[in-house]
Amino acid sequence: DVMRGEVQAMSSAALADAMSRLPMWRLIEGPEAPSEALTGPQVGIERVYDFPSFLEAMRFMAEAAPIFEEMDHHPRWTNLYRRVSVALTTHEAGNRVTLRDTEAAKRLDALYAKFASDQERA
């Protein structure tokens, strides 16, 4: 199980391939990467989601939280009014990007698409 099993940092080629399929995400390195342990190289991925209101941003976070809990993989995320910033890295892989991170990113993007679709119908 990718979500709960042993984790391994992605190779540069695998990471480049994954990022090509996550066009709204950006690679973050060094001090920007989401880690409290500042030892060794750190790499993460980050995306900012925009919403029509603060309430919608909070709804998104509330609906995303169970996804992270199910994956046993928790982001560094912040909310500022209508914006939710999400940064992902895998501590068990030495603060590098793993399949857990890219899978979480895909799931968040799908949830965000659902919010956008709901907004269009409103």
Protein backbone atom coordinates (compact mmCIF):
# COMPACT_ATOMS: atom_id res chain seq x y z
CA ASP A 1 0.00 0.00 0.00
CA VAL A 2 1.60 3.23 -1.20
CA MET A 3 -0.17 5.24 1.47
CA ARG A 4 0.90 3.30 4.55
CA GLY A 5 3.84 1.15 3.50
CA GLU A 6 7.52 1.89 3.27
CA VAL A 7 8.21 5.24 1.68
CA GLN A 8 10.98 6.08 -0.73
CA ALA A 9 11.94 9.43 -2.23
CA MET A 10 11.12 9.73 -5.92
CA SER A 11 13.98 9.78 -8.41
CA SER A 12 14.54 13.04 -10.30
CA ALA A 13 12.97 11.51 -13.42
CA ALA A 14 9.93 10.20 -11.55
CA LEU A 15 9.49 13.54 -9.81
CA ALA A 16 9.70 15.44 -13.11
CA ASP A 17 7.11 13.09 -14.61
CA ALA A 18 4.80 13.49 -11.60
CA MET A 19 5.13 17.28 -11.67
CA SER A 20 4.21 17.32 -15.38
CA ARG A 21 0.88 15.74 -14.34
CA LEU A 22 0.38 18.26 -11.51
CA PRO A 23 0.61 21.53 -13.48
CA MET A 24 -0.70 23.78 -10.70
CA TRP A 25 1.83 22.49 -8.17
CA ARG A 26 5.37 23.82 -7.83
CA LEU A 27 8.50 22.19 -6.53
CA ILE A 28 9.91 23.84 -3.41
CA GLU A 29 13.41 23.23 -2.12
CA GLY A 30 15.56 24.20 0.84
CA PRO A 31 14.13 26.46 3.54
CA GLU A 32 10.77 26.74 1.74
CA ALA A 33 10.18 23.01 2.00
CA PRO A 34 7.62 21.96 4.63
CA SER A 35 9.81 20.53 7.35
CA GLU A 36 10.51 21.32 10.96
CA ALA A 37 13.77 19.38 10.88
CA LEU A 38 16.28 21.53 9.05
CA THR A 39 18.86 18.85 8.40
CA GLY A 40 19.83 17.57 4.99
CA PRO A 41 18.26 18.41 1.65
CA GLN A 42 14.57 19.15 1.72
CA VAL A 43 12.17 19.00 -1.18
CA GLY A 44 8.41 19.40 -1.24
CA ILE A 45 5.54 20.37 -3.51
CA GLU A 46 3.16 23.26 -3.01
CA ARG A 47 -0.07 24.63 -4.42
CA VAL A 48 -2.32 27.57 -3.60
CA TYR A 49 -6.08 27.14 -3.98
CA ASP A 50 -8.36 30.17 -4.33
CA PHE A 51 -12.02 30.20 -3.31
CA PRO A 52 -14.89 32.67 -3.65
CA SER A 53 -15.16 33.10 0.12
CA PHE A 54 -13.52 32.35 3.44
CA LEU A 55 -16.31 29.89 4.21
CA GLU A 56 -15.62 27.92 1.02
CA ALA A 57 -11.90 27.80 1.87
CA MET A 58 -12.78 26.41 5.31
CA ARG A 59 -15.16 23.86 3.78
CA PHE A 60 -12.36 22.70 1.48
CA MET A 61 -9.99 22.24 4.43
CA ALA A 62 -12.68 20.38 6.40
CA GLU A 63 -13.34 18.02 3.48
CA ALA A 64 -9.62 17.53 2.79
CA ALA A 65 -8.74 16.67 6.39
CA PRO A 66 -10.24 13.13 6.26
CA ILE A 67 -8.30 12.47 3.03
CA PHE A 68 -5.04 13.21 4.84
CA GLU A 69 -6.09 11.21 7.87
CA GLU A 70 -6.99 8.19 5.72
CA MET A 71 -3.59 8.44 4.03
CA ASP A 72 -1.84 8.97 7.39
CA HIS A 73 -0.05 11.80 5.62
CA HIS A 74 -0.47 15.33 6.88
CA PRO A 75 0.34 18.58 5.08
CA ARG A 76 1.65 21.91 6.16
CA TRP A 77 -1.21 24.13 5.18
CA THR A 78 -2.41 27.61 5.91
CA ASN A 79 -5.49 29.65 5.23
CA LEU A 80 -5.57 33.36 4.55
CA TYR A 81 -9.10 34.58 3.89
CA ARG A 82 -10.11 32.96 0.55
CA ARG A 83 -6.80 31.18 -0.07
CA VAL A 84 -5.52 27.79 1.11
CA SER A 85 -1.80 27.04 0.67
CA VAL A 86 -0.75 23.38 0.86
CA ALA A 87 2.82 22.06 1.08
CA LEU A 88 3.63 18.35 1.04
CA THR A 89 6.77 16.35 1.79
CA THR A 90 7.44 12.98 3.39
CA HIS A 91 9.40 13.15 6.63
CA GLU A 92 10.05 9.38 6.66
CA ALA A 93 11.85 9.75 3.32
CA GLY A 94 14.19 12.43 4.59
CA ASN A 95 11.88 15.33 3.75
CA ARG A 96 11.69 14.42 0.08
CA VAL A 97 8.78 13.97 -2.32
CA THR A 98 7.28 10.47 -2.49
CA LEU A 99 4.27 8.83 -4.09
CA ARG A 100 2.34 9.76 -0.93
CA ASP A 101 2.81 13.44 -1.74
CA THR A 102 1.85 13.20 -5.39
CA GLU A 103 -1.16 11.02 -4.55
CA ALA A 104 -2.30 13.53 -1.91
CA ALA A 105 -1.87 16.32 -4.47
CA LYS A 106 -4.04 14.43 -6.99
CA ARG A 107 -6.74 13.87 -4.39
CA LEU A 108 -6.73 17.54 -3.38
CA ASP A 109 -6.95 18.62 -7.01
CA ALA A 110 -9.95 16.32 -7.49
CA LEU A 111 -11.62 17.78 -4.41
CA TYR A 112 -10.91 21.31 -5.65
CA ALA A 113 -12.42 20.44 -9.04
CA LYS A 114 -15.56 19.30 -7.22
CA PHE A 115 -15.73 22.65 -5.41
CA ALA A 116 -15.30 24.53 -8.71
CA SER A 117 -18.04 22.40 -10.30
CA ASP A 118 -20.38 23.07 -7.37
CA GLN A 119 -19.65 26.80 -7.70
CA GLU A 120 -20.57 26.76 -11.40
CA ARG A 121 -23.92 25.12 -10.62
CA ALA A 122 -24.74 27.66 -7.88
